[in-house]
Amino acid sequence: MSRRKPGTVTVIPNVQIIDIAEEGKGVGKADELVIFVDKAVPGDVVDVRLTKKKKNFAEAIIDQLHQKSELRTDPFCPHFGTCGGCKWQHMGYDSQLKFKQKNVEAALQRLGKIDTSNTEPILGSAQDRYYRNKLEFTFSNKRWLDRTDIERDEDFDMNALGFHVPLRFDKILDIEHCYLQAEPSNSIRNAVRKYALENGLSFYDLRNHEGALRNLIIRTSSTGEVMVAVVFAYPEEDQVEGLMGFLKQAFPQITALLYIVNQKKNDTIFDQEVNLFAGRDHIFEEMDGIRFKIGVKSFYQTNSEQAFELYKITRDFAGFKGDELVYDLYTGAGTIANFVAKSVKQVVGVEYVPTAIEDAKFNSQLNGIDNTIFYAGDMKDILTEEFVLAHGRPDVVITDPPRAGMHADVVQRLLEMESDKIVYVSCNAATQARDLELLKEKYDVVRIKPVDMFPHTQHVENVVLLKLRG
C-alpha cells in the first residue's frame, strides 16, 4: 500500500527488487506497476519514492533500505551517487557481469527473436579501476553543492573542475580523485585547478558563456605516453602561456601538450584549431605489435586492454584463412581494419568522419600495411551496388556501428551482398537485435559473446557471428 509524504510525494513500502533493467536501474513490482529504482540491487527490500509515473511503470529512488541484497558492496569512490560516471559501484563486479550477460541475451531474444542458448560467457575486464585512456573534465563557476555543503552554511569557492552532474548541464561536480584513469591524470587535474585558483584564472560560466577555462582533456596510452589539452574560452593576455608553461614544467612526462580556444556555445572541438605548445601533437598506442597515432580528436576505444581482447574475439569469430576480402564498416580510425589486415588479402574500411579516415590511412602507413583502403562518407551512400562491383563482393563483413545501429539501407545492402560471414560488434544490444532480426532473412546467428569494456556501468559490448545459409 502506497502512502503519501507531505508535498504529495508517493512512497511505496517494502518493494522487493527482482532484476536489473538494461539502463542499469533495479526492477521491482507493486501490484501491476513495474518500478525502475535508481541504485537498487536485486535482493534489496526497499521503500521507494516515485519520481515519475506512467500508466504501466514508474521511476523511483530509494526512500529507505530495509534489507540489503547479498550482491551489494560498498562503493569505493567518494563521488559515487552524485557523479554519473559509475552507476554500479554498489554491486560486486561478478554480479555486474552476470546482469550484463542476462540483459544482452534478453534483448536478443525479445527484440530479435534470437536463440541465445549457446551464448558464450561474458569476458570481464581484467582491470575494473583506472581502465580508461581518455577523460574530459569541465571547468565551471557553478559547483554542484551536496547536502553536506549546504548544511555547512558558509561561504566557499564555487569553482569546479570535474564532471557534469546527470541531467544538469550547468552544474559540475568538483572531482578530487577519479578511479577511471590512472596517474598522472588525477595529479594533473588537481594541479591545474590549484594553479587556476591561485593565479586568478576564471572558470567557465556554462549559462552566460564567459570565463577563461573551459575543458581539460587527458589521454594516456599503454606505451606510457600522456596527452594534455586545455580548452580555453576567453583567456586574458598571458593566461594561456602561464598555464601551459606551468604544465610543461610541473609534468615533464607529458608527451603532447596542446591547447584550443573554443568560443562556440557547445563543447565540441572537432571544428576547432589545435595549437601545439610542447612535445608533439599526438601520442602512440600499441596493440599486437601495431602502432596507432592518437590525436586529441582521434577515435580510439577508451579501454585499451579490453579493446585488444574485443578485437581478438572479432578476429577469432571471422576465422580468417588468409585470402579473404573484408569490408570493415564504421571503421573509425581503422583500428580493427589494421588489426586484421595481416590475416587477410585486403580490407576496405568505410567511416563517416573524414578526420578518422585520415588517421586510418596514416596508421596503415605507419605500420607498413599496404592491403587496406579507406573511404569517408555516410555508410548508406557509400555502400552501393556500384561500390561492391568496384571493390568486389566481400567474403567477410565486420560492422561496428554507433549506438543507433545500422541504417535500414545498410542492412538491405548486406543482404544483397551475401557475404559468407558477418561479424557484428555492438555497444547496444537492443539496436543490434533489431538489425539481426532483419538479417535473419538470409543469415543464421552462430556465435554470441558479450565483452565488458566499462566496469561499474550498465554498458556492454556484444560480438555476434552470422553465417550465410547455403
Protein backbone atom coordinates (compact mmCIF):
# COMPACT_ATOMS: atom_id res chain seq x y z
CA MET A 1 0.00 0.00 0.00
CA SER A 2 1.48 3.34 -1.01
CA ARG A 3 1.49 6.29 1.31
CA ARG A 4 1.90 9.98 0.70
CA LYS A 5 4.51 12.17 2.30
CA PRO A 6 3.99 15.91 2.72
CA GLY A 7 4.09 17.63 -0.66
CA THR A 8 2.13 14.79 -2.35
CA VAL A 9 5.20 12.55 -2.72
CA THR A 10 4.19 8.93 -3.22
CA VAL A 11 6.15 6.36 -1.23
CA ILE A 12 5.58 2.64 -1.80
CA PRO A 13 6.82 0.45 1.07
CA ASN A 14 8.57 -2.93 1.05
CA VAL A 15 9.28 -3.29 -2.65
CA GLN A 16 11.40 -6.32 -3.46
CA ILE A 17 13.97 -5.72 -6.20
CA ILE A 18 13.94 -8.70 -8.53
CA ASP A 19 16.03 -7.71 -11.56
CA ILE A 20 18.22 -5.10 -13.26
CA ALA A 21 16.93 -3.20 -16.31
CA GLU A 22 19.07 -2.61 -19.40
CA GLU A 23 19.62 1.02 -18.39
CA GLY A 24 21.05 -0.13 -15.05
CA LYS A 25 18.21 0.51 -12.60
CA GLY A 26 16.79 -2.06 -10.22
CA VAL A 27 13.36 -3.50 -11.11
CA GLY A 28 10.57 -4.05 -8.61
CA LYS A 29 6.79 -4.51 -8.71
CA ALA A 30 3.87 -3.15 -6.70
CA ASP A 31 0.68 -4.87 -7.77
CA GLU A 32 0.80 -4.50 -11.58
CA LEU A 33 3.08 -1.45 -11.55
CA VAL A 34 6.67 -2.06 -12.70
CA ILE A 35 9.06 0.26 -10.85
CA PHE A 36 12.57 1.15 -12.01
CA VAL A 37 14.57 2.12 -8.92
CA ASP A 38 17.83 4.04 -9.10
CA LYS A 39 20.76 2.38 -7.26
CA ALA A 40 18.69 -0.62 -6.21
CA VAL A 41 20.14 -4.13 -6.41
CA PRO A 42 18.28 -7.43 -6.90
CA GLY A 43 17.63 -8.84 -3.44
CA ASP A 44 17.06 -5.43 -1.81
CA VAL A 45 13.82 -4.74 0.01
CA VAL A 46 13.15 -1.00 -0.06
CA ASP A 47 10.62 1.75 0.38
CA VAL A 48 10.67 3.71 -2.86
CA ARG A 49 9.74 7.31 -3.58
CA LEU A 50 8.25 7.76 -7.05
CA THR A 51 9.84 10.43 -9.24
CA LYS A 52 7.87 9.71 -12.42
CA LYS A 53 4.71 7.68 -13.01
CA LYS A 54 3.18 6.43 -16.24
CA LYS A 55 0.28 4.05 -16.81
CA ASN A 56 2.22 0.77 -16.52
CA PHE A 57 5.54 1.76 -14.99
CA ALA A 58 7.18 4.25 -12.67
CA GLU A 59 10.65 5.53 -11.87
CA ALA A 60 11.77 5.88 -8.27
CA ILE A 61 14.59 6.41 -5.81
CA ILE A 62 15.21 4.54 -2.57
CA ASP A 63 13.45 6.18 0.36
CA GLN A 64 14.56 3.59 2.90
CA LEU A 65 16.61 0.41 2.61
CA HIS A 66 15.10 -2.31 4.82
CA GLN A 67 17.04 -5.35 3.64
CA LYS A 68 20.38 -5.28 1.84
CA SER A 69 20.95 -7.63 -1.05
CA GLU A 70 23.83 -10.11 -0.75
CA LEU A 71 25.01 -8.63 -4.07
CA ARG A 72 25.54 -5.20 -2.52
CA THR A 73 29.01 -3.86 -1.87
CA ASP A 74 30.39 -0.59 -0.55
CA PRO A 75 31.24 1.91 -3.33
CA PHE A 76 34.97 2.67 -3.40
CA CYS A 77 34.64 6.21 -4.79
CA PRO A 78 33.51 9.07 -2.52
CA HIS A 79 31.86 10.75 -5.51
CA PHE A 80 29.60 7.76 -6.21
CA GLY A 81 25.93 8.65 -6.14
CA THR A 82 26.41 12.19 -7.41
CA CYS A 83 28.81 11.67 -10.29
CA GLY A 84 27.20 9.91 -13.23
CA GLY A 85 30.39 8.16 -14.38
CA CYS A 86 29.95 4.86 -12.49
CA LYS A 87 26.38 3.74 -11.79
CA TRP A 88 27.06 0.24 -10.43
CA GLN A 89 29.77 0.59 -7.79
CA HIS A 90 27.24 -0.54 -5.19
CA MET A 91 27.17 -4.03 -6.77
CA GLY A 92 30.03 -6.54 -6.91
CA TYR A 93 31.79 -6.87 -10.26
CA ASP A 94 30.93 -10.57 -10.72
CA SER A 95 27.26 -9.68 -10.26
CA GLN A 96 27.57 -6.82 -12.74
CA LEU A 97 28.88 -9.26 -15.35
CA LYS A 98 26.03 -11.68 -14.70
CA PHE A 99 23.41 -9.00 -15.26
CA LYS A 100 25.17 -7.61 -18.32
CA GLN A 101 25.12 -11.06 -19.91
CA LYS A 102 21.48 -11.54 -18.93
CA ASN A 103 20.46 -8.19 -20.42
CA VAL A 104 22.26 -8.89 -23.71
CA GLU A 105 20.52 -12.25 -24.02
CA ALA A 106 17.14 -10.76 -23.08
CA ALA A 107 17.44 -8.03 -25.72
CA LEU A 108 18.41 -10.51 -28.45
CA GLN A 109 15.56 -12.85 -27.51
CA ARG A 110 12.87 -10.22 -27.09
CA LEU A 111 13.73 -7.82 -29.93
CA GLY A 112 15.49 -10.08 -32.42
CA LYS A 113 13.82 -13.45 -31.74
CA ILE A 114 17.36 -14.89 -31.50
CA ASP A 115 18.15 -18.24 -29.86
CA THR A 116 20.72 -17.34 -27.18
CA SER A 117 21.07 -20.78 -25.62
CA ASN A 118 24.67 -21.10 -26.84
CA THR A 119 25.81 -17.62 -25.81
CA GLU A 120 29.42 -17.77 -24.63
CA PRO A 121 30.32 -16.44 -21.16
CA ILE A 122 30.90 -12.70 -20.95
CA LEU A 123 34.53 -11.61 -20.91
CA GLY A 124 35.11 -9.34 -17.92
CA SER A 125 37.72 -6.61 -17.84
CA ALA A 126 40.99 -7.56 -16.14
CA GLN A 127 41.09 -4.02 -14.73
CA ASP A 128 37.93 -2.66 -13.13
CA ARG A 129 39.61 0.58 -12.00
CA TYR A 130 41.84 3.04 -13.86
CA TYR A 131 40.91 1.39 -17.15
CA ARG A 132 40.09 4.43 -19.31
CA ASN A 133 42.68 6.05 -21.57
CA LYS A 134 40.73 9.28 -22.05
CA LEU A 135 38.79 11.62 -19.78
CA GLU A 136 37.37 15.07 -20.41
CA PHE A 137 36.77 17.39 -17.47
CA THR A 138 34.76 20.60 -17.42
CA PHE A 139 35.52 23.89 -15.65
CA SER A 140 32.57 25.74 -14.12
CA ASN A 141 31.93 28.67 -11.78
CA LYS A 142 28.75 26.89 -10.61
CA ARG A 143 29.92 23.98 -8.50
CA TRP A 144 27.38 21.32 -7.55
CA LEU A 145 26.64 21.57 -3.83
CA ASP A 146 25.74 18.39 -2.00
CA ARG A 147 23.74 18.24 1.24
CA THR A 148 26.88 18.46 3.38
CA ASP A 149 27.97 21.63 1.61
CA ILE A 150 24.58 23.25 2.09
CA GLU A 151 24.32 22.28 5.76
CA ARG A 152 27.71 23.91 6.47
CA ASP A 153 26.05 27.28 5.71
CA GLU A 154 29.30 29.08 4.96
CA ASP A 155 30.90 30.83 2.02
CA PHE A 156 33.11 28.60 -0.09
CA ASP A 157 34.65 28.61 -3.51
CA MET A 158 32.09 27.88 -6.25
CA ASN A 159 34.65 26.96 -8.92
CA ALA A 160 34.80 23.33 -10.01
CA LEU A 161 36.80 21.09 -12.32
CA GLY A 162 35.15 17.74 -12.86
CA PHE A 163 32.12 16.08 -14.43
CA HIS A 164 28.60 17.17 -15.28
CA VAL A 165 26.02 16.12 -12.73
CA PRO A 166 23.46 13.89 -14.51
CA LEU A 167 20.60 15.89 -16.06
CA ARG A 168 22.22 19.22 -15.12
CA PHE A 169 24.13 20.81 -18.00
CA ASP A 170 25.14 23.82 -15.91
CA LYS A 171 26.31 22.07 -12.72
CA ILE A 172 29.75 20.48 -12.35
CA LEU A 173 30.78 18.12 -9.57
CA ASP A 174 34.28 19.03 -8.38
CA ILE A 175 36.31 15.80 -8.58
CA GLU A 176 39.12 15.16 -6.12
CA HIS A 177 40.04 11.60 -7.14
CA CYS A 178 38.69 9.69 -10.13
CA TYR A 179 39.14 5.93 -10.32
CA LEU A 180 38.61 5.77 -14.09
CA GLN A 181 42.03 6.88 -15.32
CA ALA A 182 45.48 6.09 -13.98
CA GLU A 183 48.09 8.62 -12.93
CA PRO A 184 49.18 11.19 -13.79
CA SER A 185 45.53 12.03 -14.57
CA ASN A 186 44.42 12.94 -11.04
CA SER A 187 47.65 14.81 -10.30
CA ILE A 188 47.37 16.88 -13.48
CA ARG A 189 43.72 17.79 -12.92
CA ASN A 190 44.25 18.79 -9.31
CA ALA A 191 47.38 20.78 -10.18
CA VAL A 192 45.56 22.65 -12.95
CA ARG A 193 42.71 23.54 -10.56
CA LYS A 194 45.16 24.72 -7.90
CA TYR A 195 47.15 26.82 -10.38
CA ALA A 196 43.99 28.39 -11.80
CA LEU A 197 42.66 29.35 -8.36
CA GLU A 198 45.99 30.71 -7.16
CA ASN A 199 46.51 32.75 -10.33
CA GLY A 200 43.00 34.12 -10.73
CA LEU A 201 42.01 32.32 -13.94
CA SER A 202 38.22 32.43 -14.28
CA PHE A 203 36.25 29.21 -14.65
CA TYR A 204 33.68 28.99 -17.46
CA ASP A 205 30.10 30.09 -16.92
CA LEU A 206 28.03 27.48 -18.76
CA ARG A 207 24.94 29.69 -18.91
CA ASN A 208 26.43 33.08 -19.78
CA HIS A 209 29.38 31.76 -21.83
CA GLU A 210 32.05 33.72 -20.00
CA GLY A 211 35.36 32.79 -18.43
CA ALA A 212 38.87 31.72 -19.35
CA LEU A 213 38.99 27.96 -18.67
CA ARG A 214 36.53 25.59 -20.35
CA ASN A 215 37.70 21.96 -20.59
CA LEU A 216 40.65 19.71 -19.76
CA ILE A 217 41.30 16.59 -21.85
CA ILE A 218 43.75 13.93 -20.68
CA ARG A 219 44.71 10.91 -22.79
CA THR A 220 47.10 8.17 -21.71
CA SER A 221 48.38 5.12 -23.54
CA SER A 222 49.66 1.66 -22.69
CA THR A 223 53.06 2.80 -24.05
CA GLY A 224 53.29 5.29 -21.15
CA GLU A 225 52.67 8.42 -23.21
CA VAL A 226 50.47 11.27 -21.97
CA MET A 227 48.47 13.94 -23.83
CA VAL A 228 47.03 17.01 -22.14
CA ALA A 229 44.83 19.50 -23.98
CA VAL A 230 43.46 22.60 -22.27
CA VAL A 231 40.41 24.21 -23.87
CA PHE A 232 40.19 27.94 -23.20
CA ALA A 233 37.19 30.18 -23.91
CA TYR A 234 38.04 33.84 -23.22
CA PRO A 235 41.54 33.93 -21.69
CA GLU A 236 43.19 37.19 -20.78
CA GLU A 237 46.65 38.13 -22.03
CA ASP A 238 49.42 35.75 -20.87
CA GLN A 239 46.96 33.33 -19.18
CA VAL A 240 47.42 30.68 -21.87
CA GLU A 241 51.20 30.98 -21.77
CA GLY A 242 51.18 30.91 -17.97
CA LEU A 243 49.11 27.75 -17.51
CA MET A 244 50.70 25.84 -20.38
CA GLY A 245 54.17 26.78 -19.18
CA PHE A 246 53.28 25.58 -15.69
CA LEU A 247 52.11 22.20 -17.06
CA LYS A 248 55.26 21.79 -19.13
CA GLN A 249 57.47 22.41 -16.11
CA ALA A 250 55.40 20.54 -13.49
CA PHE A 251 54.76 17.42 -15.62
CA PRO A 252 57.76 16.74 -17.87
CA GLN A 253 56.29 13.31 -18.66
CA ILE A 254 53.61 14.93 -20.87
CA THR A 255 54.30 13.80 -24.42
CA ALA A 256 51.78 16.05 -26.18
CA LEU A 257 50.84 19.40 -24.64
CA LEU A 258 48.13 21.20 -26.59
CA TYR A 259 45.59 23.99 -26.27
CA ILE A 260 42.42 25.04 -28.06
CA VAL A 261 40.45 28.28 -27.93
CA ASN A 262 36.75 27.45 -28.24
CA GLN A 263 34.30 30.36 -28.09
CA LYS A 264 31.33 28.46 -29.52
CA LYS A 265 28.33 27.73 -27.32
CA ASN A 266 28.95 23.97 -27.42
CA ASP A 267 31.94 21.98 -26.18
CA THR A 268 32.74 20.07 -29.38
CA ILE A 269 36.29 20.64 -30.58
CA PHE A 270 36.14 18.78 -33.90
CA ASP A 271 35.81 22.05 -35.82
CA GLN A 272 38.41 23.91 -33.73
CA GLU A 273 42.09 24.59 -34.38
CA VAL A 274 44.51 22.65 -32.18
CA ASN A 275 47.65 24.52 -31.05
CA LEU A 276 50.81 22.66 -30.11
CA PHE A 277 52.55 24.10 -27.05
CA ALA A 278 55.19 21.43 -26.36
CA GLY A 279 56.15 17.93 -27.48
CA ARG A 280 54.22 16.55 -30.42
CA ASP A 281 50.57 16.78 -31.44
CA HIS A 282 49.85 13.09 -30.86
CA ILE A 283 50.68 10.07 -28.73
CA PHE A 284 51.07 6.46 -29.77
CA GLU A 285 49.07 3.43 -28.67
CA GLU A 286 50.24 -0.10 -29.41
CA MET A 287 48.24 -3.28 -29.86
CA ASP A 288 49.51 -6.67 -31.02
CA GLY A 289 52.66 -5.06 -32.43
CA ILE A 290 50.67 -2.44 -34.37
CA ARG A 291 51.15 1.24 -33.51
CA PHE A 292 48.29 3.73 -33.67
CA LYS A 293 48.66 7.50 -33.80
CA ILE A 294 46.21 9.19 -31.40
CA GLY A 295 45.47 12.89 -31.74
CA VAL A 296 43.23 14.95 -29.47
CA LYS A 297 40.32 14.43 -31.90
CA SER A 298 41.07 10.78 -32.73
CA PHE A 299 38.63 7.90 -32.32
CA TYR A 300 40.00 5.07 -30.17
CA GLN A 301 38.44 2.58 -27.79
CA THR A 302 38.72 4.09 -24.31
CA ASN A 303 39.65 0.82 -22.57
CA SER A 304 42.88 -0.11 -24.37
CA GLU A 305 43.50 -3.50 -22.75
CA GLN A 306 39.93 -4.70 -23.22
CA ALA A 307 39.82 -3.33 -26.79
CA PHE A 308 42.64 -5.76 -27.58
CA GLU A 309 40.52 -8.62 -26.22
CA LEU A 310 37.47 -7.41 -28.17
CA TYR A 311 39.40 -7.29 -31.44
CA LYS A 312 40.92 -10.74 -30.84
CA ILE A 313 37.40 -12.13 -30.39
CA THR A 314 36.28 -10.35 -33.56
CA ARG A 315 39.21 -11.85 -35.48
CA ASP A 316 38.55 -15.29 -33.99
CA PHE A 317 34.85 -15.15 -34.92
CA ALA A 318 35.78 -14.26 -38.52
CA GLY A 319 38.00 -17.36 -38.77
CA PHE A 320 40.26 -15.92 -41.47
CA LYS A 321 42.20 -18.25 -43.75
CA GLY A 322 44.32 -15.50 -45.32
CA ASP A 323 42.72 -14.98 -48.73
CA GLU A 324 39.60 -13.01 -47.71
CA LEU A 325 38.35 -9.65 -48.92
CA VAL A 326 36.99 -7.88 -45.82
CA TYR A 327 34.73 -4.84 -45.53
CA ASP A 328 35.17 -3.03 -42.21
CA LEU A 329 32.10 -0.83 -41.78
CA TYR A 330 32.13 2.10 -39.32
CA THR A 331 35.90 1.65 -39.22
CA GLY A 332 36.64 4.76 -37.12
CA ALA A 333 40.41 5.32 -37.19
CA GLY A 334 40.84 1.93 -38.85
CA THR A 335 41.76 0.13 -35.64
CA ILE A 336 40.01 -3.16 -36.48
CA ALA A 337 40.92 -2.85 -40.18
CA ASN A 338 44.64 -2.55 -39.41
CA PHE A 339 44.40 -5.14 -36.65
CA VAL A 340 43.09 -7.85 -39.02
CA ALA A 341 44.95 -6.74 -42.17
CA LYS A 342 47.84 -9.18 -41.74
CA SER A 343 45.34 -12.07 -41.56
CA VAL A 344 43.53 -11.35 -44.85
CA LYS A 345 44.06 -10.41 -48.51
CA GLN A 346 42.54 -6.90 -48.36
CA VAL A 347 40.45 -4.71 -46.06
CA VAL A 348 38.12 -1.97 -47.29
CA GLY A 349 37.17 0.44 -44.49
CA VAL A 350 34.28 2.93 -44.52
CA GLU A 351 33.65 5.68 -41.95
CA TYR A 352 31.53 8.84 -41.75
CA VAL A 353 34.15 11.15 -40.20
CA PRO A 354 36.85 12.31 -42.68
CA THR A 355 39.47 13.05 -39.98
CA ALA A 356 39.10 9.49 -38.66
CA ILE A 357 39.76 8.14 -42.14
CA GLU A 358 42.91 10.26 -42.38
CA ASP A 359 44.04 8.65 -39.11
CA ALA A 360 43.20 5.20 -40.51
CA LYS A 361 45.33 5.82 -43.62
CA PHE A 362 48.20 7.18 -41.52
CA ASN A 363 48.06 4.15 -39.20
CA SER A 364 48.34 1.79 -42.17
CA GLN A 365 51.37 3.70 -43.49
CA LEU A 366 52.92 3.85 -40.02
CA ASN A 367 52.86 0.06 -39.79
CA GLY A 368 53.77 -0.70 -43.40
CA ILE A 369 50.31 -2.13 -44.06
CA ASP A 370 49.59 -1.91 -47.79
CA ASN A 371 46.43 -4.01 -48.13
CA THR A 372 43.93 -1.52 -46.66
CA ILE A 373 41.85 1.10 -48.45
CA PHE A 374 39.62 3.63 -46.72
CA TYR A 375 36.63 5.78 -47.71
CA ALA A 376 34.89 8.61 -45.87
CA GLY A 377 31.14 9.23 -46.18
CA ASP A 378 27.71 8.24 -44.95
CA MET A 379 27.54 4.45 -44.92
CA LYS A 380 24.21 4.20 -46.74
CA ASP A 381 25.54 6.48 -49.50
CA ILE A 382 28.97 4.84 -49.87
CA LEU A 383 27.94 1.19 -49.69
CA THR A 384 26.16 0.99 -53.05
CA GLU A 385 25.89 -1.71 -55.68
CA GLU A 386 28.48 0.20 -57.72
CA PHE A 387 30.87 0.28 -54.75
CA VAL A 388 30.62 -3.51 -54.38
CA LEU A 389 31.13 -4.03 -58.11
CA ALA A 390 34.24 -1.83 -58.00
CA HIS A 391 35.85 -3.45 -54.95
CA GLY A 392 34.48 -6.97 -55.06
CA ARG A 393 31.97 -8.90 -53.00
CA PRO A 394 33.43 -9.28 -49.51
CA ASP A 395 33.98 -12.71 -48.01
CA VAL A 396 33.61 -11.25 -44.52
CA VAL A 397 31.94 -8.06 -43.29
CA ILE A 398 32.91 -6.61 -39.91
CA THR A 399 30.48 -3.97 -38.72
CA ASP A 400 30.83 -1.89 -35.54
CA PRO A 401 28.12 0.79 -35.78
CA PRO A 402 27.29 3.53 -33.25
CA ARG A 403 24.59 3.01 -30.60
CA ALA A 404 21.80 3.69 -33.10
CA GLY A 405 22.80 0.58 -35.04
CA MET A 406 22.81 0.31 -38.83
CA HIS A 407 20.58 2.25 -41.19
CA ALA A 408 17.94 0.04 -42.83
CA ASP A 409 19.52 0.71 -46.24
CA VAL A 410 22.85 -0.65 -44.97
CA VAL A 411 21.18 -3.81 -43.66
CA GLN A 412 19.49 -4.23 -47.03
CA ARG A 413 22.85 -3.87 -48.81
CA LEU A 414 24.34 -6.57 -46.56
CA LEU A 415 21.50 -8.89 -47.53
CA GLU A 416 22.14 -8.16 -51.20
CA MET A 417 25.92 -8.65 -50.93
CA GLU A 418 25.53 -12.12 -49.43
CA SER A 419 28.95 -12.26 -47.77
CA ASP A 420 29.76 -15.64 -46.28
CA LYS A 421 30.15 -14.18 -42.77
CA ILE A 422 29.22 -11.04 -40.88
CA VAL A 423 30.84 -10.21 -37.54
CA TYR A 424 28.63 -7.64 -35.82
CA VAL A 425 30.21 -5.75 -32.92
CA SER A 426 27.74 -3.63 -30.97
CA CYS A 427 27.64 -1.35 -27.93
CA ASN A 428 23.82 -1.54 -27.85
CA ALA A 429 22.21 -4.98 -27.76
CA ALA A 430 18.76 -3.52 -28.48
CA THR A 431 19.65 -1.97 -31.84
CA GLN A 432 21.85 -4.94 -32.63
CA ALA A 433 18.86 -7.24 -32.03
CA ARG A 434 16.72 -5.12 -34.38
CA ASP A 435 19.33 -5.45 -37.15
CA LEU A 436 19.84 -9.17 -36.52
CA GLU A 437 16.13 -9.83 -36.95
CA LEU A 438 16.32 -8.26 -40.43
CA LEU A 439 19.48 -10.19 -41.31
CA LYS A 440 17.79 -13.48 -40.33
CA GLU A 441 16.22 -13.43 -43.78
CA LYS A 442 19.46 -14.94 -45.10
CA TYR A 443 21.76 -15.42 -42.10
CA ASP A 444 21.98 -17.67 -39.05
CA VAL A 445 23.42 -16.42 -35.76
CA VAL A 446 26.04 -19.00 -34.83
CA ARG A 447 28.12 -17.35 -32.08
CA ILE A 448 27.41 -14.70 -29.43
CA LYS A 449 29.88 -13.33 -26.88
CA PRO A 450 29.40 -10.25 -24.68
CA VAL A 451 32.52 -8.27 -23.70
CA ASP A 452 32.62 -5.82 -20.78
CA MET A 453 34.52 -2.67 -21.71
CA PHE A 454 33.18 -0.42 -18.95
CA PRO A 455 33.11 -1.88 -15.41
CA HIS A 456 30.71 -0.27 -12.92
CA THR A 457 28.43 0.96 -15.71
CA GLN A 458 25.49 -0.73 -17.43
CA HIS A 459 27.22 -0.54 -20.83
CA VAL A 460 28.37 -3.73 -22.55
CA GLU A 461 29.70 -4.70 -25.98
CA ASN A 462 28.45 -7.78 -27.81
CA VAL A 463 30.01 -9.72 -30.68
CA VAL A 464 27.83 -11.84 -32.96
CA LEU A 465 28.89 -14.10 -35.83
CA LEU A 466 26.37 -14.59 -38.65
CA LYS A 467 26.78 -17.15 -41.43
CA LEU A 468 25.03 -17.10 -44.79
CA ARG A 469 22.62 -20.00 -45.20
CA GLY A 470 23.60 -22.34 -48.03
